[in-house]
């Protein structure tokens, strides 16, 4: 299914960036420890880590949504019926869609703001809208996945109703 492939691809992209951030951190920390031997830290390492972590986190949201890997309270819901659980899933998916839309919209507005005011990072002086815009990739993918999950939940309820003989 294309939605799962998209979510996995974006998550892998975030994972690669996270590995890169780890390498930058190791090199920078090692450089700081070896200052007396002529080594130095990576210039702008904090800025790179900050932007990279934000990007990586947003890339993990779509797959977490698709796999229902967010927190759940199963000790309460396991005692409820199948239909009740399906309705709870639909409500949760709908709420996550709203969260994905709001976060995406506000990050989009923030990206435009950073672009319009030409704000840059302190040390490396790269435009902040680069980092903001990169993080939009994960959030826009999350919106797509969240729409898919709402549809998946609606179909699950319809299928359950058809199997149990309840026609809406």
N, C-alpha and C. Protein backbone atom coordinates (compact mmCIF):
# COMPACT_ATOMS: atom_id res chain seq x y z
N UNK A 1 0.85 -1.18 0.00
CA UNK A 1 0.00 0.00 0.00
C UNK A 1 0.89 1.23 0.00
N UNK A 2 0.56 2.20 -0.84
CA UNK A 2 1.41 3.35 -1.06
C UNK A 2 1.56 4.22 0.18
N UNK A 3 0.54 4.31 1.03
CA UNK A 3 0.62 5.15 2.22
C UNK A 3 1.67 4.60 3.18
N UNK A 4 1.69 3.28 3.33
CA UNK A 4 2.68 2.67 4.22
C UNK A 4 4.09 2.86 3.65
N UNK A 5 4.26 2.72 2.36
CA UNK A 5 5.57 2.94 1.74
C UNK A 5 6.04 4.37 1.95
N UNK A 6 5.12 5.32 1.78
CA UNK A 6 5.45 6.73 1.99
C UNK A 6 5.86 6.99 3.43
N UNK A 7 5.08 6.48 4.38
CA UNK A 7 5.37 6.70 5.80
C UNK A 7 6.71 6.07 6.19
N UNK A 8 6.98 4.87 5.67
CA UNK A 8 8.26 4.21 5.98
C UNK A 8 9.43 4.97 5.36
N UNK A 9 9.26 5.45 4.14
CA UNK A 9 10.32 6.20 3.48
C UNK A 9 10.66 7.47 4.27
N UNK A 10 9.64 8.19 4.68
CA UNK A 10 9.86 9.43 5.44
C UNK A 10 10.51 9.11 6.78
N UNK A 11 10.07 8.04 7.44
CA UNK A 11 10.67 7.64 8.72
C UNK A 11 12.14 7.26 8.53
N UNK A 12 12.45 6.55 7.46
CA UNK A 12 13.84 6.21 7.18
C UNK A 12 14.68 7.45 6.92
N UNK A 13 14.12 8.39 6.21
CA UNK A 13 14.81 9.65 5.96
C UNK A 13 15.12 10.35 7.29
N UNK A 14 14.14 10.39 8.18
CA UNK A 14 14.36 10.96 9.50
C UNK A 14 15.41 10.19 10.29
N UNK A 15 15.41 8.87 10.14
CA UNK A 15 16.40 8.04 10.83
C UNK A 15 17.81 8.31 10.33
N UNK A 16 17.96 8.47 9.01
CA UNK A 16 19.28 8.79 8.45
C UNK A 16 19.78 10.14 8.97
N UNK A 17 18.88 11.10 9.05
CA UNK A 17 19.26 12.41 9.58
C UNK A 17 19.66 12.28 11.05
N UNK A 18 18.94 11.46 11.80
CA UNK A 18 19.26 11.25 13.21
C UNK A 18 20.64 10.60 13.37
N UNK A 19 20.97 9.66 12.51
CA UNK A 19 22.31 9.06 12.54
C UNK A 19 23.37 10.12 12.22
N UNK A 20 23.08 10.96 11.25
CA UNK A 20 23.99 12.05 10.92
C UNK A 20 24.20 13.00 12.10
N UNK A 21 23.12 13.30 12.80
CA UNK A 21 23.21 14.16 13.98
C UNK A 21 24.08 13.51 15.05
N UNK A 22 23.91 12.21 15.23
CA UNK A 22 24.72 11.49 16.22
C UNK A 22 26.19 11.57 15.84
N UNK A 23 26.50 11.40 14.56
CA UNK A 23 27.90 11.49 14.11
C UNK A 23 28.47 12.89 14.33
N UNK A 24 27.69 13.90 13.99
CA UNK A 24 28.14 15.28 14.22
C UNK A 24 28.41 15.50 15.71
N UNK A 25 27.53 15.00 16.55
CA UNK A 25 27.70 15.16 18.00
C UNK A 25 28.96 14.46 18.49
N UNK A 26 29.18 13.23 18.03
CA UNK A 26 30.38 12.48 18.44
C UNK A 26 31.64 13.21 17.99
N UNK A 27 31.66 13.64 16.75
CA UNK A 27 32.83 14.37 16.23
C UNK A 27 33.05 15.65 17.01
N UNK A 28 31.98 16.37 17.29
CA UNK A 28 32.10 17.63 18.00
C UNK A 28 32.57 17.43 19.44
N UNK A 29 32.01 16.45 20.12
CA UNK A 29 32.40 16.18 21.51
C UNK A 29 33.85 15.70 21.56
N UNK A 30 34.20 14.83 20.63
CA UNK A 30 35.58 14.36 20.56
C UNK A 30 36.53 15.53 20.27
N UNK A 31 36.10 16.41 19.41
CA UNK A 31 36.91 17.60 19.10
C UNK A 31 37.11 18.49 20.30
N UNK A 32 36.06 18.66 21.09
CA UNK A 32 36.18 19.48 22.31
C UNK A 32 37.14 18.83 23.31
N UNK A 33 37.09 17.52 23.39
CA UNK A 33 37.96 16.80 24.32
C UNK A 33 39.42 16.87 23.86
N UNK A 34 39.65 17.02 22.57
CA UNK A 34 41.01 17.04 22.06
C UNK A 34 41.52 18.42 21.71
N UNK A 35 40.95 19.45 22.30
CA UNK A 35 41.36 20.82 22.01
C UNK A 35 42.86 21.01 22.27
N UNK A 36 43.36 20.40 23.34
CA UNK A 36 44.79 20.55 23.66
C UNK A 36 45.69 19.87 22.63
N UNK A 37 45.10 18.99 21.79
CA UNK A 37 45.87 18.32 20.74
C UNK A 37 45.63 18.95 19.38
N UNK A 38 44.96 20.07 19.34
CA UNK A 38 44.75 20.78 18.08
C UNK A 38 43.43 20.47 17.39
N UNK A 39 42.57 19.67 18.02
CA UNK A 39 41.25 19.38 17.45
C UNK A 39 40.27 20.47 17.86
N UNK A 40 39.14 20.51 17.19
CA UNK A 40 38.10 21.46 17.58
C UNK A 40 36.73 20.83 17.33
N UNK A 41 35.72 21.47 17.85
CA UNK A 41 34.36 20.96 17.65
C UNK A 41 33.85 21.36 16.27
N UNK A 42 32.72 20.80 15.90
CA UNK A 42 32.09 21.13 14.63
C UNK A 42 31.44 22.50 14.76
N UNK A 43 31.77 23.39 13.86
CA UNK A 43 31.20 24.73 13.90
C UNK A 43 29.68 24.67 13.70
N UNK A 44 28.93 25.25 14.62
CA UNK A 44 27.48 25.28 14.51
C UNK A 44 26.80 23.96 14.85
N UNK A 45 27.49 23.14 15.65
CA UNK A 45 26.94 21.82 15.95
C UNK A 45 25.57 21.90 16.63
N UNK A 46 25.38 22.87 17.49
CA UNK A 46 24.08 23.01 18.16
C UNK A 46 22.98 23.35 17.17
N UNK A 47 23.30 24.21 16.21
CA UNK A 47 22.31 24.58 15.21
C UNK A 47 21.96 23.39 14.32
N UNK A 48 22.96 22.60 13.95
CA UNK A 48 22.72 21.42 13.12
C UNK A 48 21.89 20.38 13.87
N UNK A 49 22.21 20.17 15.14
CA UNK A 49 21.46 19.21 15.94
C UNK A 49 20.02 19.67 16.13
N UNK A 50 19.84 20.94 16.41
CA UNK A 50 18.49 21.48 16.62
C UNK A 50 17.62 21.29 15.38
N UNK A 51 18.14 21.67 14.23
CA UNK A 51 17.36 21.55 12.99
C UNK A 51 17.15 20.09 12.62
N UNK A 52 18.18 19.27 12.80
CA UNK A 52 18.08 17.86 12.44
C UNK A 52 17.11 17.08 13.30
N UNK A 53 17.12 17.37 14.59
CA UNK A 53 16.19 16.67 15.49
C UNK A 53 14.75 17.06 15.18
N UNK A 54 14.51 18.33 14.93
CA UNK A 54 13.15 18.77 14.57
C UNK A 54 12.69 18.06 13.30
N UNK A 55 13.57 17.97 12.32
CA UNK A 55 13.23 17.27 11.08
C UNK A 55 12.93 15.80 11.34
N UNK A 56 13.81 15.15 12.09
CA UNK A 56 13.66 13.71 12.35
C UNK A 56 12.35 13.42 13.09
N UNK A 57 12.04 14.21 14.09
CA UNK A 57 10.82 14.00 14.87
C UNK A 57 9.59 14.09 13.98
N UNK A 58 9.54 15.11 13.14
CA UNK A 58 8.37 15.25 12.27
C UNK A 58 8.29 14.11 11.26
N UNK A 59 9.43 13.52 10.91
CA UNK A 59 9.42 12.39 9.98
C UNK A 59 8.91 11.10 10.62
N UNK A 60 8.94 11.02 11.94
CA UNK A 60 8.49 9.81 12.61
C UNK A 60 6.98 9.81 12.88
N UNK A 61 6.34 10.97 12.87
CA UNK A 61 4.91 11.05 13.14
C UNK A 61 4.05 10.22 12.19
N UNK A 62 4.29 10.27 10.87
CA UNK A 62 3.40 9.53 9.96
C UNK A 62 3.37 8.02 10.22
N UNK A 63 4.54 7.41 10.41
CA UNK A 63 4.58 5.97 10.63
C UNK A 63 3.98 5.62 11.99
N UNK A 64 4.23 6.45 12.98
CA UNK A 64 3.62 6.21 14.29
C UNK A 64 2.10 6.27 14.20
N UNK A 65 1.59 7.20 13.43
CA UNK A 65 0.14 7.32 13.24
C UNK A 65 -0.40 6.08 12.52
N UNK A 66 0.26 5.70 11.45
CA UNK A 66 -0.19 4.57 10.65
C UNK A 66 -0.21 3.28 11.46
N UNK A 67 0.80 3.07 12.28
CA UNK A 67 0.93 1.84 13.06
C UNK A 67 0.23 1.92 14.43
N UNK A 68 -0.44 3.02 14.67
CA UNK A 68 -1.11 3.24 15.96
C UNK A 68 -0.12 3.07 17.12
N UNK A 69 1.04 3.66 16.95
CA UNK A 69 2.10 3.53 17.94
C UNK A 69 2.07 4.64 18.99
N UNK A 70 1.07 5.48 18.94
CA UNK A 70 0.92 6.50 19.97
C UNK A 70 0.41 5.84 21.25
N UNK A 71 0.44 6.57 22.32
CA UNK A 71 0.01 6.01 23.61
C UNK A 71 -1.46 5.60 23.55
N UNK A 72 -1.75 4.49 24.19
CA UNK A 72 -3.14 4.07 24.28
C UNK A 72 -3.38 3.51 25.68
N UNK A 73 -4.63 3.48 26.06
CA UNK A 73 -5.02 3.03 27.40
C UNK A 73 -5.76 1.70 27.24
N UNK A 74 -5.02 0.66 26.91
CA UNK A 74 -5.65 -0.62 26.58
C UNK A 74 -6.25 -1.33 27.79
N UNK A 75 -5.77 -1.02 29.01
CA UNK A 75 -6.35 -1.69 30.17
C UNK A 75 -7.79 -1.27 30.40
N UNK A 76 -8.20 -0.16 29.84
CA UNK A 76 -9.60 0.27 29.92
C UNK A 76 -10.38 -0.25 28.72
N UNK A 77 -9.81 -0.09 27.53
CA UNK A 77 -10.54 -0.42 26.31
C UNK A 77 -10.63 -1.91 26.03
N UNK A 78 -9.75 -2.71 26.63
CA UNK A 78 -9.80 -4.16 26.37
C UNK A 78 -11.08 -4.80 26.90
N UNK A 79 -11.75 -4.14 27.82
CA UNK A 79 -12.99 -4.68 28.39
C UNK A 79 -14.23 -4.23 27.60
N UNK A 80 -14.03 -3.36 26.64
CA UNK A 80 -15.14 -2.85 25.84
C UNK A 80 -15.32 -3.72 24.60
N UNK A 81 -16.43 -3.56 23.94
CA UNK A 81 -16.71 -4.35 22.75
C UNK A 81 -15.91 -3.88 21.54
N UNK A 82 -15.97 -4.69 20.50
CA UNK A 82 -15.22 -4.39 19.28
C UNK A 82 -15.68 -3.07 18.66
N UNK A 83 -16.98 -2.89 18.55
CA UNK A 83 -17.51 -1.68 17.93
C UNK A 83 -17.09 -0.44 18.73
N UNK A 84 -17.16 -0.53 20.04
CA UNK A 84 -16.74 0.61 20.88
C UNK A 84 -15.28 0.94 20.64
N UNK A 85 -14.44 -0.09 20.54
CA UNK A 85 -13.02 0.14 20.27
C UNK A 85 -12.79 0.74 18.89
N UNK A 86 -13.58 0.31 17.92
CA UNK A 86 -13.46 0.87 16.58
C UNK A 86 -13.87 2.35 16.57
N UNK A 87 -14.88 2.68 17.33
CA UNK A 87 -15.31 4.09 17.43
C UNK A 87 -14.24 4.92 18.14
N UNK A 88 -13.65 4.36 19.19
CA UNK A 88 -12.56 5.06 19.89
C UNK A 88 -11.38 5.29 18.94
N UNK A 89 -11.06 4.27 18.12
CA UNK A 89 -10.00 4.43 17.13
C UNK A 89 -10.31 5.54 16.15
N UNK A 90 -11.57 5.61 15.71
CA UNK A 90 -11.97 6.66 14.78
C UNK A 90 -11.83 8.04 15.42
N UNK A 91 -12.27 8.17 16.64
CA UNK A 91 -12.15 9.46 17.35
C UNK A 91 -10.68 9.84 17.50
N UNK A 92 -9.86 8.87 17.90
CA UNK A 92 -8.42 9.14 18.07
C UNK A 92 -7.78 9.54 16.74
N UNK A 93 -8.13 8.83 15.67
CA UNK A 93 -7.58 9.17 14.35
C UNK A 93 -8.03 10.56 13.91
N UNK A 94 -9.27 10.88 14.17
CA UNK A 94 -9.77 12.21 13.80
C UNK A 94 -9.06 13.31 14.59
N UNK A 95 -8.86 13.08 15.89
CA UNK A 95 -8.15 14.07 16.71
C UNK A 95 -6.70 14.22 16.26
N UNK A 96 -6.06 13.11 15.89
CA UNK A 96 -4.69 13.19 15.39
C UNK A 96 -4.64 13.92 14.05
N UNK A 97 -5.66 13.76 13.24
CA UNK A 97 -5.73 14.51 11.98
C UNK A 97 -5.80 16.01 12.27
N UNK A 98 -6.62 16.39 13.22
CA UNK A 98 -6.72 17.80 13.57
C UNK A 98 -5.37 18.33 14.07
N UNK A 99 -4.70 17.55 14.92
CA UNK A 99 -3.39 17.97 15.42
C UNK A 99 -2.39 18.10 14.27
N UNK A 100 -2.39 17.14 13.36
CA UNK A 100 -1.48 17.18 12.21
C UNK A 100 -1.75 18.41 11.34
N UNK A 101 -3.03 18.71 11.12
CA UNK A 101 -3.39 19.88 10.31
C UNK A 101 -2.97 21.18 10.99
N UNK A 102 -3.23 21.29 12.28
CA UNK A 102 -2.89 22.53 13.01
C UNK A 102 -1.37 22.73 13.05
N UNK A 103 -0.64 21.67 13.38
CA UNK A 103 0.83 21.79 13.43
C UNK A 103 1.40 22.12 12.06
N UNK A 104 0.89 21.47 11.03
CA UNK A 104 1.37 21.75 9.67
C UNK A 104 1.09 23.19 9.26
N UNK A 105 -0.11 23.63 9.54
CA UNK A 105 -0.50 24.99 9.16
C UNK A 105 0.38 26.01 9.88
N UNK A 106 0.58 25.82 11.18
CA UNK A 106 1.37 26.79 11.93
C UNK A 106 2.85 26.75 11.55
N UNK A 107 3.37 25.56 11.27
CA UNK A 107 4.76 25.50 10.82
C UNK A 107 4.90 26.12 9.43
N UNK A 108 3.89 25.94 8.60
CA UNK A 108 3.91 26.57 7.28
C UNK A 108 3.94 28.09 7.42
N UNK A 109 3.08 28.62 8.30
CA UNK A 109 3.08 30.07 8.53
C UNK A 109 4.42 30.54 9.11
N UNK A 110 4.99 29.75 10.01
CA UNK A 110 6.29 30.08 10.58
C UNK A 110 7.39 30.07 9.53
N UNK A 111 7.30 29.12 8.61
CA UNK A 111 8.29 29.05 7.53
C UNK A 111 8.21 30.29 6.66
N UNK A 112 7.00 30.70 6.32
CA UNK A 112 6.82 31.91 5.52
C UNK A 112 7.36 33.12 6.27
N UNK A 113 7.08 33.18 7.56
CA UNK A 113 7.56 34.30 8.39
C UNK A 113 9.09 34.35 8.40
N UNK A 114 9.73 33.20 8.60
CA UNK A 114 11.20 33.16 8.62
C UNK A 114 11.77 33.55 7.26
N UNK A 115 11.09 33.15 6.20
CA UNK A 115 11.53 33.51 4.86
C UNK A 115 11.39 35.02 4.62
N UNK A 116 10.24 35.57 4.99
CA UNK A 116 10.00 37.00 4.76
C UNK A 116 10.95 37.90 5.53
N UNK A 117 11.33 37.49 6.74
CA UNK A 117 12.21 38.32 7.56
C UNK A 117 13.68 37.93 7.42
N UNK A 118 13.96 36.95 6.56
CA UNK A 118 15.33 36.52 6.27
C UNK A 118 16.14 36.22 7.53
N UNK A 119 15.48 35.57 8.50
CA UNK A 119 16.18 35.21 9.73
C UNK A 119 17.17 34.08 9.45
N UNK A 120 18.32 34.17 10.11
CA UNK A 120 19.36 33.15 9.94
C UNK A 120 19.80 32.65 11.31
N UNK A 121 20.53 31.52 11.28
CA UNK A 121 21.07 31.01 12.53
C UNK A 121 22.24 31.88 12.96
N UNK A 122 22.60 31.80 14.22
CA UNK A 122 23.61 32.69 14.78
C UNK A 122 25.02 32.40 14.26
N UNK A 123 25.40 31.13 14.26
CA UNK A 123 26.78 30.79 13.92
C UNK A 123 26.95 30.50 12.42
N UNK A 124 26.18 29.59 11.90
CA UNK A 124 26.34 29.19 10.49
C UNK A 124 25.70 30.17 9.52
N UNK A 125 24.79 30.97 10.00
CA UNK A 125 24.11 31.98 9.18
C UNK A 125 23.30 31.38 8.03
N UNK A 126 22.81 30.14 8.20
CA UNK A 126 21.94 29.61 7.16
C UNK A 126 20.51 30.06 7.47
N UNK A 127 19.70 30.27 6.45
CA UNK A 127 18.33 30.75 6.66
C UNK A 127 17.50 29.77 7.49
N UNK A 128 16.80 30.29 8.48
CA UNK A 128 15.97 29.44 9.33
C UNK A 128 14.84 28.77 8.57
N UNK A 129 14.38 29.39 7.50
CA UNK A 129 13.26 28.78 6.77
C UNK A 129 13.68 27.45 6.14
N UNK A 130 14.97 27.20 5.96
CA UNK A 130 15.41 25.91 5.45
C UNK A 130 15.01 24.79 6.41
N UNK A 131 15.31 25.00 7.68
CA UNK A 131 15.00 23.99 8.69
C UNK A 131 13.49 23.85 8.87
N UNK A 132 12.80 24.99 8.91
CA UNK A 132 11.35 24.96 9.05
C UNK A 132 10.71 24.24 7.87
N UNK A 133 11.15 24.59 6.67
CA UNK A 133 10.61 23.99 5.46
C UNK A 133 10.88 22.50 5.38
N UNK A 134 12.07 22.09 5.80
CA UNK A 134 12.40 20.66 5.79
C UNK A 134 11.47 19.89 6.72
N UNK A 135 11.16 20.45 7.86
CA UNK A 135 10.26 19.78 8.81
C UNK A 135 8.84 19.67 8.28
N UNK A 136 8.48 20.55 7.35
CA UNK A 136 7.15 20.46 6.74
C UNK A 136 6.97 19.16 5.97
N UNK A 137 8.06 18.60 5.46
CA UNK A 137 7.96 17.34 4.73
C UNK A 137 7.32 16.25 5.60
N UNK A 138 7.80 16.12 6.82
CA UNK A 138 7.24 15.13 7.73
C UNK A 138 5.82 15.44 8.13
N UNK A 139 5.54 16.72 8.39
CA UNK A 139 4.19 17.09 8.82
C UNK A 139 3.17 16.96 7.70
N UNK A 140 3.53 17.35 6.49
CA UNK A 140 2.60 17.19 5.37
C UNK A 140 2.34 15.71 5.09
N UNK A 141 3.37 14.89 5.24
CA UNK A 141 3.17 13.44 5.10
C UNK A 141 2.25 12.93 6.19
N UNK A 142 2.41 13.46 7.40
CA UNK A 142 1.55 13.06 8.51
C UNK A 142 0.09 13.38 8.20
N UNK A 143 -0.17 14.53 7.61
CA UNK A 143 -1.53 14.90 7.26
C UNK A 143 -2.11 13.88 6.28
N UNK A 144 -1.34 13.50 5.27
CA UNK A 144 -1.80 12.50 4.30
C UNK A 144 -2.12 11.19 5.00
N UNK A 145 -1.21 10.75 5.86
CA UNK A 145 -1.39 9.49 6.58
C UNK A 145 -2.58 9.59 7.54
N UNK A 146 -2.74 10.73 8.19
CA UNK A 146 -3.85 10.90 9.13
C UNK A 146 -5.20 10.83 8.41
N UNK A 147 -5.29 11.44 7.22
CA UNK A 147 -6.52 11.31 6.42
C UNK A 147 -6.77 9.85 6.08
N UNK A 148 -5.73 9.16 5.69
CA UNK A 148 -5.86 7.74 5.37
C UNK A 148 -6.36 6.95 6.59
N UNK A 149 -5.81 7.25 7.77
CA UNK A 149 -6.19 6.52 8.98
C UNK A 149 -7.65 6.77 9.36
N UNK A 150 -8.14 7.98 9.16
CA UNK A 150 -9.56 8.25 9.41
C UNK A 150 -10.41 7.40 8.47
N UNK A 151 -10.04 7.36 7.20
CA UNK A 151 -10.77 6.53 6.25
C UNK A 151 -10.70 5.05 6.61
N UNK A 152 -9.53 4.61 7.06
CA UNK A 152 -9.37 3.22 7.49
C UNK A 152 -10.29 2.91 8.66
N UNK A 153 -10.41 3.83 9.60
CA UNK A 153 -11.28 3.62 10.76
C UNK A 153 -12.75 3.60 10.36
N UNK A 154 -13.14 4.48 9.46
CA UNK A 154 -14.52 4.51 8.97
C UNK A 154 -14.84 3.18 8.28
N UNK A 155 -13.92 2.71 7.45
CA UNK A 155 -14.14 1.42 6.76
C UNK A 155 -14.21 0.26 7.74
N UNK A 156 -13.41 0.30 8.79
CA UNK A 156 -13.45 -0.78 9.79
C UNK A 156 -14.80 -0.82 10.49
N UNK A 157 -15.35 0.35 10.78
CA UNK A 157 -16.67 0.40 11.42
C UNK A 157 -17.74 -0.10 10.45
N UNK A 158 -17.66 0.33 9.19
CA UNK A 158 -18.63 -0.13 8.19
C UNK A 158 -18.56 -1.65 8.04
N UNK A 159 -17.36 -2.17 7.92
CA UNK A 159 -17.19 -3.63 7.74
C UNK A 159 -17.70 -4.40 8.96
N UNK A 160 -17.43 -3.87 10.15
CA UNK A 160 -17.92 -4.53 11.36
C UNK A 160 -19.46 -4.51 11.39
N UNK A 161 -20.03 -3.37 11.01
CA UNK A 161 -21.49 -3.26 11.00
C UNK A 161 -22.12 -4.21 10.00
N UNK A 162 -21.49 -4.35 8.83
CA UNK A 162 -22.01 -5.28 7.82
C UNK A 162 -21.91 -6.73 8.27
N UNK A 163 -20.80 -7.07 8.94
CA UNK A 163 -20.61 -8.45 9.41
C UNK A 163 -21.57 -8.80 10.54
N UNK A 164 -21.85 -7.79 11.39
CA UNK A 164 -22.72 -8.08 12.54
C UNK A 164 -24.20 -7.90 12.19
N UNK A 165 -24.49 -7.47 10.95
CA UNK A 165 -25.88 -7.35 10.53
C UNK A 165 -26.48 -5.99 10.83
N UNK A 166 -25.70 -5.07 11.34
CA UNK A 166 -26.20 -3.72 11.62
C UNK A 166 -26.00 -2.89 10.36
N UNK A 167 -27.07 -2.35 9.84
CA UNK A 167 -26.98 -1.51 8.65
C UNK A 167 -27.26 -0.09 9.06
N UNK A 168 -26.36 0.81 8.66
CA UNK A 168 -26.57 2.22 9.03
C UNK A 168 -27.20 3.01 7.93
